[in-house]
C-alpha atoms as a PDB file:
ATOM      1  CA  UNK A   1     166.453 144.497  47.197  1.00  0.00           C
ATOM      2  CA  UNK A   2     166.889 142.511  50.442  1.00  0.00           C
ATOM      3  CA  UNK A   3     169.695 139.973  50.354  1.00  0.00           C
ATOM      4  CA  UNK A   4     168.562 136.395  49.769  1.00  0.00           C
ATOM      5  CA  UNK A   5     168.502 134.497  53.042  1.00  0.00           C
ATOM      6  CA  UNK A   6     170.712 131.401  53.022  1.00  0.00           C
ATOM      7  CA  UNK A   7     169.828 128.758  55.588  1.00  0.00           C
ATOM      8  CA  UNK A   8     171.601 125.543  54.548  1.00  0.00           C
ATOM      9  CA  UNK A   9     174.760 124.800  52.546  1.00  0.00           C
ATOM     10  CA  UNK A  10     173.893 124.250  48.859  1.00  0.00           C
ATOM     11  CA  UNK A  11     173.648 120.507  48.208  1.00  0.00           C
ATOM     12  CA  UNK A  12     171.954 117.998  45.981  1.00  0.00           C
ATOM     13  CA  UNK A  13     171.615 114.220  46.087  1.00  0.00           C
ATOM     14  CA  UNK A  14     171.188 112.473  42.760  1.00  0.00           C
ATOM     15  CA  UNK A  15     169.644 109.347  44.212  1.00  0.00           C
ATOM     16  CA  UNK A  16     166.000 109.338  45.279  1.00  0.00           C
ATOM     17  CA  UNK A  17     164.760 108.981  47.930  1.00  0.00           C
ATOM     18  CA  UNK A  18     167.439 110.984  49.712  1.00  0.00           C
ATOM     19  CA  UNK A  19     169.797 109.763  52.381  1.00  0.00           C
ATOM     20  CA  UNK A  20     169.699 111.492  55.751  1.00  0.00           C
ATOM     21  CA  UNK A  21     173.256 110.489  56.607  1.00  0.00           C
ATOM     22  CA  UNK A  22     174.509 112.504  53.619  1.00  0.00           C
ATOM     23  CA  UNK A  23     172.783 115.764  54.573  1.00  0.00           C
ATOM     24  CA  UNK A  24     174.654 118.808  55.893  1.00  0.00           C
ATOM     25  CA  UNK A  25     173.658 119.743  58.477  1.00  0.00           C
ATOM     26  CA  UNK A  26     171.947 116.562  59.608  1.00  0.00           C
ATOM     27  CA  UNK A  27     168.274 117.030  60.454  1.00  0.00           C
ATOM     28  CA  UNK A  28     167.512 117.161  64.152  1.00  0.00           C
ATOM     29  CA  UNK A  29     165.474 114.032  64.828  1.00  0.00           C
ATOM     30  CA  UNK A  30     165.380 114.040  68.623  1.00  0.00           C
ATOM     31  CA  UNK A  31     164.489 116.711  71.130  1.00  0.00           C
ATOM     32  CA  UNK A  32     166.900 115.887  73.929  1.00  0.00           C
ATOM     33  CA  UNK A  33     164.759 117.832  76.416  1.00  0.00           C
ATOM     34  CA  UNK A  34     161.724 115.602  75.793  1.00  0.00           C
ATOM     35  CA  UNK A  35     161.110 113.276  78.706  1.00  0.00           C
ATOM     36  CA  UNK A  36     158.500 110.627  78.046  1.00  0.00           C
ATOM     37  CA  UNK A  37     155.629 110.129  80.461  1.00  0.00           C
ATOM     38  CA  UNK A  38     154.252 106.791  79.273  1.00  0.00           C
ATOM     39  CA  UNK A  39     151.589 108.242  76.977  1.00  0.00           C
ATOM     40  CA  UNK A  40     152.057 105.317  74.566  1.00  0.00           C
ATOM     41  CA  UNK A  41     153.268 102.691  77.008  1.00  0.00           C
ATOM     42  CA  UNK A  42     153.454  99.239  75.366  1.00  0.00           C
ATOM     43  CA  UNK A  43     151.544 100.446  72.304  1.00  0.00           C
ATOM     44  CA  UNK A  44     152.616  99.168  68.886  1.00  0.00           C
ATOM     45  CA  UNK A  45     152.962 101.615  66.007  1.00  0.00           C
ATOM     46  CA  UNK A  46     153.685 101.231  62.308  1.00  0.00           C
ATOM     47  CA  UNK A  47     155.350 104.228  60.691  1.00  0.00           C
ATOM     48  CA  UNK A  48     155.740 104.252  56.916  1.00  0.00           C
ATOM     49  CA  UNK A  49     158.693 106.268  55.723  1.00  0.00           C
ATOM     50  CA  UNK A  50     160.043 105.855  59.235  1.00  0.00           C
ATOM     51  CA  UNK A  51     163.702 105.537  58.326  1.00  0.00           C
ATOM     52  CA  UNK A  52     164.439 109.270  58.138  1.00  0.00           C
ATOM     53  CA  UNK A  53     163.047 112.779  58.328  1.00  0.00           C
ATOM     54  CA  UNK A  54     159.720 113.236  60.083  1.00  0.00           C
ATOM     55  CA  UNK A  55     159.181 109.475  60.264  1.00  0.00           C
ATOM     56  CA  UNK A  56     162.410 108.964  62.202  1.00  0.00           C
ATOM     57  CA  UNK A  57     161.582 111.782  64.612  1.00  0.00           C
ATOM     58  CA  UNK A  58     158.136 110.313  65.231  1.00  0.00           C
ATOM     59  CA  UNK A  59     159.627 106.850  65.844  1.00  0.00           C
ATOM     60  CA  UNK A  60     162.005 108.251  68.466  1.00  0.00           C
ATOM     61  CA  UNK A  61     159.307 110.349  70.148  1.00  0.00           C
ATOM     62  CA  UNK A  62     156.921 107.380  70.252  1.00  0.00           C
ATOM     63  CA  UNK A  63     159.657 105.188  71.735  1.00  0.00           C
ATOM     64  CA  UNK A  64     160.262 107.772  74.464  1.00  0.00           C
ATOM     65  CA  UNK A  65     156.573 107.494  75.312  1.00  0.00           C
ATOM     66  CA  UNK A  66     156.832 103.705  75.593  1.00  0.00           C
ATOM     67  CA  UNK A  67     155.793 102.409  72.159  1.00  0.00           C
ATOM     68  CA  UNK A  68     157.328  99.600  70.122  1.00  0.00           C
ATOM     69  CA  UNK A  69     157.859 100.558  66.490  1.00  0.00           C
ATOM     70  CA  UNK A  70     157.688  98.995  63.046  1.00  0.00           C
ATOM     71  CA  UNK A  71     159.600 101.151  60.584  1.00  0.00           C
ATOM     72  CA  UNK A  72     158.539 100.626  56.978  1.00  0.00           C
ATOM     73  CA  UNK A  73     161.018 101.965  54.412  1.00  0.00           C
ATOM     74  CA  UNK A  74     161.797 101.631  50.721  1.00  0.00           C
ATOM     75  CA  UNK A  75     165.512 100.892  50.454  1.00  0.00           C
ATOM     76  CA  UNK A  76     167.528 103.256  52.657  1.00  0.00           C
ATOM     77  CA  UNK A  77     169.135 100.547  54.799  1.00  0.00           C
ATOM     78  CA  UNK A  78     171.751 102.720  56.514  1.00  0.00           C
ATOM     79  CA  UNK A  79     169.187 105.330  57.575  1.00  0.00           C
ATOM     80  CA  UNK A  80     166.729 102.650  58.695  1.00  0.00           C
ATOM     81  CA  UNK A  81     169.377 100.922  60.809  1.00  0.00           C
ATOM     82  CA  UNK A  82     170.216 104.246  62.450  1.00  0.00           C
ATOM     83  CA  UNK A  83     166.552 104.795  63.300  1.00  0.00           C
ATOM     84  CA  UNK A  84     166.366 101.310  64.803  1.00  0.00           C
ATOM     85  CA  UNK A  85     169.389 102.080  66.986  1.00  0.00           C
ATOM     86  CA  UNK A  86     167.891 105.370  68.155  1.00  0.00           C
ATOM     87  CA  UNK A  87     164.581 103.711  69.067  1.00  0.00           C
ATOM     88  CA  UNK A  88     166.285 100.882  70.919  1.00  0.00           C
ATOM     89  CA  UNK A  89     168.347 103.388  72.931  1.00  0.00           C
ATOM     90  CA  UNK A  90     165.086 104.159  74.721  1.00  0.00           C
ATOM     91  CA  UNK A  91     164.448 100.543  75.638  1.00  0.00           C
ATOM     92  CA  UNK A  92     161.824  99.859  72.969  1.00  0.00           C
ATOM     93  CA  UNK A  93     161.789  97.297  70.181  1.00  0.00           C
ATOM     94  CA  UNK A  94     162.089  98.327  66.541  1.00  0.00           C
ATOM     95  CA  UNK A  95     161.233  96.116  63.582  1.00  0.00           C
ATOM     96  CA  UNK A  96     162.540  97.139  60.151  1.00  0.00           C
ATOM     97  CA  UNK A  97     160.393  96.205  57.142  1.00  0.00           C
ATOM     98  CA  UNK A  98     161.785  96.955  53.680  1.00  0.00           C
ATOM     99  CA  UNK A  99     159.544  97.335  50.638  1.00  0.00           C
ATOM    100  CA  UNK A 100     157.365  99.493  48.420  1.00  0.00           C
ATOM    101  CA  UNK A 101     154.192 100.789  50.091  1.00  0.00           C
ATOM    102  CA  UNK A 102     152.799 101.542  46.644  1.00  0.00           C
ATOM    103  CA  UNK A 103     152.124  97.808  46.298  1.00  0.00           C
ATOM    104  CA  UNK A 104     149.110  96.506  48.212  1.00  0.00           C
ATOM    105  CA  UNK A 105     150.544  93.023  48.702  1.00  0.00           C
ATOM    106  CA  UNK A 106     153.593  94.461  50.456  1.00  0.00           C
ATOM    107  CA  UNK A 107     151.396  96.575  52.749  1.00  0.00           C
ATOM    108  CA  UNK A 108     149.483  93.464  53.758  1.00  0.00           C
ATOM    109  CA  UNK A 109     152.751  91.686  54.514  1.00  0.00           C
ATOM    110  CA  UNK A 110     154.093  94.644  56.520  1.00  0.00           C
ATOM    111  CA  UNK A 111     151.042  94.693  58.781  1.00  0.00           C
ATOM    112  CA  UNK A 112     151.069  90.901  59.161  1.00  0.00           C
ATOM    113  CA  UNK A 113     154.764  90.934  60.027  1.00  0.00           C
ATOM    114  CA  UNK A 114     154.229  93.621  62.649  1.00  0.00           C
ATOM    115  CA  UNK A 115     151.388  91.739  64.322  1.00  0.00           C
ATOM    116  CA  UNK A 116     153.381  88.507  64.218  1.00  0.00           C
ATOM    117  CA  UNK A 117     156.310  90.245  65.933  1.00  0.00           C
ATOM    118  CA  UNK A 118     154.403  92.250  68.538  1.00  0.00           C
ATOM    119  CA  UNK A 119     151.042  90.499  68.776  1.00  0.00           C
ATOM    120  CA  UNK A 120     148.983  93.675  68.338  1.00  0.00           C
ATOM    121  CA  UNK A 121     148.662  97.025  66.599  1.00  0.00           C
ATOM    122  CA  UNK A 122     147.453 100.318  68.063  1.00  0.00           C
ATOM    123  CA  UNK A 123     148.753 103.169  65.903  1.00  0.00           C
ATOM    124  CA  UNK A 124     149.222 103.479  62.141  1.00  0.00           C
ATOM    125  CA  UNK A 125     151.193 106.471  60.856  1.00  0.00           C
ATOM    126  CA  UNK A 126     150.909 106.860  57.088  1.00  0.00           C
ATOM    127  CA  UNK A 127     153.897 109.051  56.348  1.00  0.00           C
ATOM    128  CA  UNK A 128     155.764 107.760  53.273  1.00  0.00           C
ATOM    129  CA  UNK A 129     155.906 110.242  50.404  1.00  0.00           C
ATOM    130  CA  UNK A 130     157.837 111.266  47.322  1.00  0.00           C
ATOM    131  CA  UNK A 131     157.902 114.355  45.127  1.00  0.00           C
ATOM    132  CA  UNK A 132     159.192 115.197  41.670  1.00  0.00           C
ATOM    133  CA  UNK A 133     159.254 118.952  40.952  1.00  0.00           C
ATOM    134  CA  UNK A 134     158.408 120.036  37.403  1.00  0.00           C
ATOM    135  CA  UNK A 135     158.138 123.562  36.022  1.00  0.00           C
ATOM    136  CA  UNK A 136     155.231 122.653  33.733  1.00  0.00           C
ATOM    137  CA  UNK A 137     152.308 120.244  33.801  1.00  0.00           C
ATOM    138  CA  UNK A 138     153.363 119.112  30.325  1.00  0.00           C
ATOM    139  CA  UNK A 139     156.472 117.568  31.870  1.00  0.00           C
ATOM    140  CA  UNK A 140     154.572 115.353  34.304  1.00  0.00           C
ATOM    141  CA  UNK A 141     154.579 111.941  32.671  1.00  0.00           C
ATOM    142  CA  UNK A 142     152.014 109.235  33.238  1.00  0.00           C
ATOM    143  CA  UNK A 143     154.742 107.197  34.925  1.00  0.00           C
ATOM    144  CA  UNK A 144     155.560 110.020  37.366  1.00  0.00           C
ATOM    145  CA  UNK A 145     151.889 110.678  38.078  1.00  0.00           C
ATOM    146  CA  UNK A 146     151.235 107.020  38.812  1.00  0.00           C
ATOM    147  CA  UNK A 147     154.322 106.733  41.002  1.00  0.00           C
ATOM    148  CA  UNK A 148     153.531 109.825  43.074  1.00  0.00           C
ATOM    149  CA  UNK A 149     149.924 108.807  43.661  1.00  0.00           C
ATOM    150  CA  UNK A 150     150.883 105.199  44.463  1.00  0.00           C
ATOM    151  CA  UNK A 151     153.358 106.203  47.144  1.00  0.00           C
ATOM    152  CA  UNK A 152     151.538 109.214  48.553  1.00  0.00           C
ATOM    153  CA  UNK A 153     147.874 108.178  48.672  1.00  0.00           C
ATOM    154  CA  UNK A 154     147.332 104.646  47.333  1.00  0.00           C
ATOM    155  CA  UNK A 155     149.611 103.388  50.111  1.00  0.00           C
ATOM    156  CA  UNK A 156     147.397 105.046  52.725  1.00  0.00           C
ATOM    157  CA  UNK A 157     144.404 103.073  51.465  1.00  0.00           C
ATOM    158  CA  UNK A 158     146.469  99.875  51.309  1.00  0.00           C
ATOM    159  CA  UNK A 159     147.884 100.229  54.822  1.00  0.00           C
ATOM    160  CA  UNK A 160     144.550 101.072  56.416  1.00  0.00           C
ATOM    161  CA  UNK A 161     142.817  98.175  54.646  1.00  0.00           C
ATOM    162  CA  UNK A 162     145.489  95.769  55.866  1.00  0.00           C
ATOM    163  CA  UNK A 163     145.416  97.150  59.402  1.00  0.00           C
ATOM    164  CA  UNK A 164     141.658  97.159  59.942  1.00  0.00           C
ATOM    165  CA  UNK A 165     141.506  93.546  61.126  1.00  0.00           C
ATOM    166  CA  UNK A 166     143.887  94.414  63.954  1.00  0.00           C
ATOM    167  CA  UNK A 167     142.835  97.938  64.927  1.00  0.00           C
ATOM    168  CA  UNK A 168     140.455  97.818  67.879  1.00  0.00           C
ATOM    169  CA  UNK A 169     138.498 100.426  69.819  1.00  0.00           C
ATOM    170  CA  UNK A 170     140.851 103.222  70.851  1.00  0.00           C
ATOM    171  CA  UNK A 171     143.231 102.699  67.925  1.00  0.00           C
ATOM    172  CA  UNK A 172     144.585 105.693  66.029  1.00  0.00           C
ATOM    173  CA  UNK A 173     145.450 106.468  62.408  1.00  0.00           C
ATOM    174  CA  UNK A 174     147.593 109.521  61.627  1.00  0.00           C
ATOM    175  CA  UNK A 175     148.112 110.690  58.049  1.00  0.00           C
ATOM    176  CA  UNK A 176     150.868 113.050  56.931  1.00  0.00           C
ATOM    177  CA  UNK A 177     149.509 115.634  54.518  1.00  0.00           C
ATOM    178  CA  UNK A 178     151.207 118.985  53.753  1.00  0.00           C
ATOM    179  CA  UNK A 179     150.823 122.737  53.717  1.00  0.00           C
ATOM    180  CA  UNK A 180     150.762 122.376  49.917  1.00  0.00           C
ATOM    181  CA  UNK A 181     147.322 120.762  50.235  1.00  0.00           C
ATOM    182  CA  UNK A 182     146.051 124.136  51.428  1.00  0.00           C
ATOM    183  CA  UNK A 183     148.098 126.740  49.558  1.00  0.00           C
ATOM    184  CA  UNK A 184     149.114 124.757  46.460  1.00  0.00           C
ATOM    185  CA  UNK A 185     152.508 124.526  44.776  1.00  0.00           C
ATOM    186  CA  UNK A 186     153.216 125.574  41.195  1.00  0.00           C
ATOM    187  CA  UNK A 187     156.135 123.140  40.831  1.00  0.00           C
ATOM    188  CA  UNK A 188     154.654 120.227  42.778  1.00  0.00           C
ATOM    189  CA  UNK A 189     151.322 119.744  41.028  1.00  0.00           C
ATOM    190  CA  UNK A 190     151.065 115.995  41.479  1.00  0.00           C
ATOM    191  CA  UNK A 191     152.547 116.019  44.992  1.00  0.00           C
ATOM    192  CA  UNK A 192     150.221 118.761  46.265  1.00  0.00           C
ATOM    193  CA  UNK A 193     147.277 116.999  44.618  1.00  0.00           C
ATOM    194  CA  UNK A 194     148.041 113.824  46.583  1.00  0.00           C
ATOM    195  CA  UNK A 195     148.336 115.846  49.765  1.00  0.00           C
ATOM    196  CA  UNK A 196     144.913 117.372  49.143  1.00  0.00           C
ATOM    197  CA  UNK A 197     143.587 113.860  48.635  1.00  0.00           C
ATOM    198  CA  UNK A 198     145.129 112.808  51.965  1.00  0.00           C
ATOM    199  CA  UNK A 199     143.313 115.613  53.764  1.00  0.00           C
ATOM    200  CA  UNK A 200     139.982 114.522  52.265  1.00  0.00           C
ATOM    201  CA  UNK A 201     140.831 110.879  52.971  1.00  0.00           C
ATOM    202  CA  UNK A 202     141.507 111.754  56.617  1.00  0.00           C
ATOM    203  CA  UNK A 203     138.210 113.571  57.044  1.00  0.00           C
ATOM    204  CA  UNK A 204     136.182 110.879  55.286  1.00  0.00           C
ATOM    205  CA  UNK A 205     137.867 107.944  57.003  1.00  0.00           C
ATOM    206  CA  UNK A 206     137.342 109.575  60.395  1.00  0.00           C
ATOM    207  CA  UNK A 207     133.602 109.533  59.766  1.00  0.00           C
ATOM    208  CA  UNK A 208     133.668 105.969  58.480  1.00  0.00           C
ATOM    209  CA  UNK A 209     135.491 104.685  61.589  1.00  0.00           C
ATOM    210  CA  UNK A 210     133.875 106.845  64.273  1.00  0.00           C
ATOM    211  CA  UNK A 211     131.409 104.139  65.271  1.00  0.00           C
ATOM    212  CA  UNK A 212     134.355 101.781  65.826  1.00  0.00           C
ATOM    213  CA  UNK A 213     135.947 104.383  68.116  1.00  0.00           C
ATOM    214  CA  UNK A 214     139.032 104.511  65.894  1.00  0.00           C
ATOM    215  CA  UNK A 215     140.282 108.080  65.570  1.00  0.00           C
ATOM    216  CA  UNK A 216     141.761 109.425  62.321  1.00  0.00           C
ATOM    217  CA  UNK A 217     143.663 112.699  62.171  1.00  0.00           C
ATOM    218  CA  UNK A 218     146.390 114.328  60.121  1.00  0.00           C
ATOM    219  CA  UNK A 219     149.463 116.534  60.299  1.00  0.00           C
ATOM    220  CA  UNK A 220     150.221 119.104  57.580  1.00  0.00           C
ATOM    221  CA  UNK A 221     153.848 120.200  57.973  1.00  0.00           C
ATOM    222  CA  UNK A 222     155.275 123.227  56.231  1.00  0.00           C
ATOM    223  CA  UNK A 223     158.878 123.205  54.927  1.00  0.00           C
ATOM    224  CA  UNK A 224     160.878 120.676  56.962  1.00  0.00           C
ATOM    225  CA  UNK A 225     164.560 119.798  56.607  1.00  0.00           C
ATOM    226  CA  UNK A 226     164.384 116.155  55.463  1.00  0.00           C
ATOM    227  CA  UNK A 227     166.112 114.028  52.782  1.00  0.00           C
ATOM    228  CA  UNK A 228     163.234 114.779  50.416  1.00  0.00           C
ATOM    229  CA  UNK A 229     164.612 118.306  49.990  1.00  0.00           C
ATOM    230  CA  UNK A 230     168.209 117.816  48.735  1.00  0.00           C
ATOM    231  CA  UNK A 231     167.143 114.805  46.671  1.00  0.00           C
ATOM    232  CA  UNK A 232     164.437 116.678  44.734  1.00  0.00           C
ATOM    233  CA  UNK A 233     165.461 120.351  44.569  1.00  0.00           C
ATOM    234  CA  UNK A 234     168.557 121.913  42.944  1.00  0.00           C
ATOM    235  CA  UNK A 235     171.328 123.027  45.273  1.00  0.00           C
ATOM    236  CA  UNK A 236     170.510 126.745  44.993  1.00  0.00           C
ATOM    237  CA  UNK A 237     166.893 126.180  46.094  1.00  0.00           C
ATOM    238  CA  UNK A 238     168.030 123.946  48.945  1.00  0.00           C
ATOM    239  CA  UNK A 239     170.234 126.788  50.183  1.00  0.00           C
ATOM    240  CA  UNK A 240     167.225 129.044  50.847  1.00  0.00           C
ATOM    241  CA  UNK A 241     164.649 126.343  51.563  1.00  0.00           C
ATOM    242  CA  UNK A 242     162.167 127.440  54.228  1.00  0.00           C
ATOM    243  CA  UNK A 243     163.063 131.131  54.149  1.00  0.00           C
ATOM    244  CA  UNK A 244     159.661 132.177  52.786  1.00  0.00           C
ATOM    245  CA  UNK A 245     157.555 131.282  55.856  1.00  0.00           C
ATOM    246  CA  UNK A 246     156.848 133.826  58.623  1.00  0.00           C
ATOM    247  CA  UNK A 247     159.338 132.187  61.009  1.00  0.00           C
ATOM    248  CA  UNK A 248     161.962 132.501  58.275  1.00  0.00           C
ATOM    249  CA  UNK A 249     163.368 128.973  58.318  1.00  0.00           C
ATOM    250  CA  UNK A 250     162.612 125.333  57.651  1.00  0.00           C
ATOM    251  CA  UNK A 251     161.341 123.271  60.542  1.00  0.00           C
ATOM    252  CA  UNK A 252     163.279 120.396  62.068  1.00  0.00           C
ATOM    253  CA  UNK A 253     161.728 116.907  62.279  1.00  0.00           C
ATOM    254  CA  UNK A 254     161.956 117.056  66.091  1.00  0.00           C
ATOM    255  CA  UNK A 255     159.623 120.065  65.981  1.00  0.00           C
ATOM    256  CA  UNK A 256     156.980 118.155  64.016  1.00  0.00           C
ATOM    257  CA  UNK A 257     157.015 114.923  66.045  1.00  0.00           C
ATOM    258  CA  UNK A 258     155.093 116.295  69.072  1.00  0.00           C
ATOM    259  CA  UNK A 259     152.003 116.724  66.884  1.00  0.00           C
ATOM    260  CA  UNK A 260     152.049 112.981  66.217  1.00  0.00           C
ATOM    261  CA  UNK A 261     152.553 112.125  69.894  1.00  0.00           C
ATOM    262  CA  UNK A 262     149.569 114.299  70.775  1.00  0.00           C
ATOM    263  CA  UNK A 263     147.343 112.694  68.125  1.00  0.00           C
ATOM    264  CA  UNK A 264     148.463 109.156  69.008  1.00  0.00           C
ATOM    265  CA  UNK A 265     147.806 109.584  72.723  1.00  0.00           C
ATOM    266  CA  UNK A 266     144.698 110.022  74.821  1.00  0.00           C
ATOM    267  CA  UNK A 267     145.518 113.734  75.041  1.00  0.00           C
ATOM    268  CA  UNK A 268     143.575 114.060  71.780  1.00  0.00           C
ATOM    269  CA  UNK A 269     140.757 111.669  72.728  1.00  0.00           C
ATOM    270  CA  UNK A 270     138.061 114.121  71.572  1.00  0.00           C
ATOM    271  CA  UNK A 271     139.658 114.794  68.185  1.00  0.00           C
ATOM    272  CA  UNK A 272     139.004 112.988  64.930  1.00  0.00           C
ATOM    273  CA  UNK A 273     138.949 114.196  61.338  1.00  0.00           C
ATOM    274  CA  UNK A 274     141.257 117.090  62.197  1.00  0.00           C
ATOM    275  CA  UNK A 275     144.598 118.299  60.842  1.00  0.00           C
ATOM    276  CA  UNK A 276     147.382 119.981  62.823  1.00  0.00           C
ATOM    277  CA  UNK A 277     149.539 122.606  61.079  1.00  0.00           C
ATOM    278  CA  UNK A 278     153.164 122.851  62.281  1.00  0.00           C
ATOM    279  CA  UNK A 279     154.191 125.010  59.323  1.00  0.00           C
ATOM    280  CA  UNK A 280     156.276 127.952  60.471  1.00  0.00           C
ATOM    281  CA  UNK A 281     153.384 130.384  60.620  1.00  0.00           C
ATOM    282  CA  UNK A 282     151.763 129.987  57.219  1.00  0.00           C
ATOM    283  CA  UNK A 283     148.075 130.880  57.481  1.00  0.00           C
ATOM    284  CA  UNK A 284     145.858 128.223  55.900  1.00  0.00           C
ATOM    285  CA  UNK A 285     142.141 127.625  55.647  1.00  0.00           C
ATOM    286  CA  UNK A 286     140.763 124.256  56.730  1.00  0.00           C
END
């Protein structure tokens, strides 16, 4: 039998959502070789779940391209403050908005606060998510099911509804789905179900907004080293996380962020209703 491949030190965080500053090694959020070229100059973007992981990497990459950022996060103040510092290092403004995207009233307030601060809105990145692994469907409670769907897909509806008044021709919506939407996950039944819903939401919304010239696309990452991993999986699984994809490792947030820059910019002006798949080589249909 081949020896089990170990990629990260075994670790587990009891508190959910996880804290990026407690991870070892820390996820790589910024590609230092990336030099912005003004693709998002003076645009304003809202990123839910922007305090850490993929959201943080996207915030930094957008800032390098000239965008001002609103980072929406649940409660991880230390991580959010670090993201704000990293964005501001690139000469862009960063507004932190704390609250639960599973509540429609908060989503309305987050959009209103962003527009009040920056005067406009061009890009909405629906990225916030949570997962709660279970080894049997019988263990998924109604409370867990409701919570997962509220955070992972209800919030996308809420944020888009709130943003529509401010999104004009040329605006962009980017939704984070997952490889699990395409290949499934035996231990993440509710999570993968929400991710499948996000893919369908993306395709349907793109058709609904095409006549307004608002583009809607998605990104379906594979295994990525983010706080979601040590806060939801046992230490032994964390140790080998990502080893089952063709490239043999988990992705880093900095490797996922370019997909969002591409979809947010005019480089993808002829794309809507599509999903990009930075997933380490996993072959998916759709």
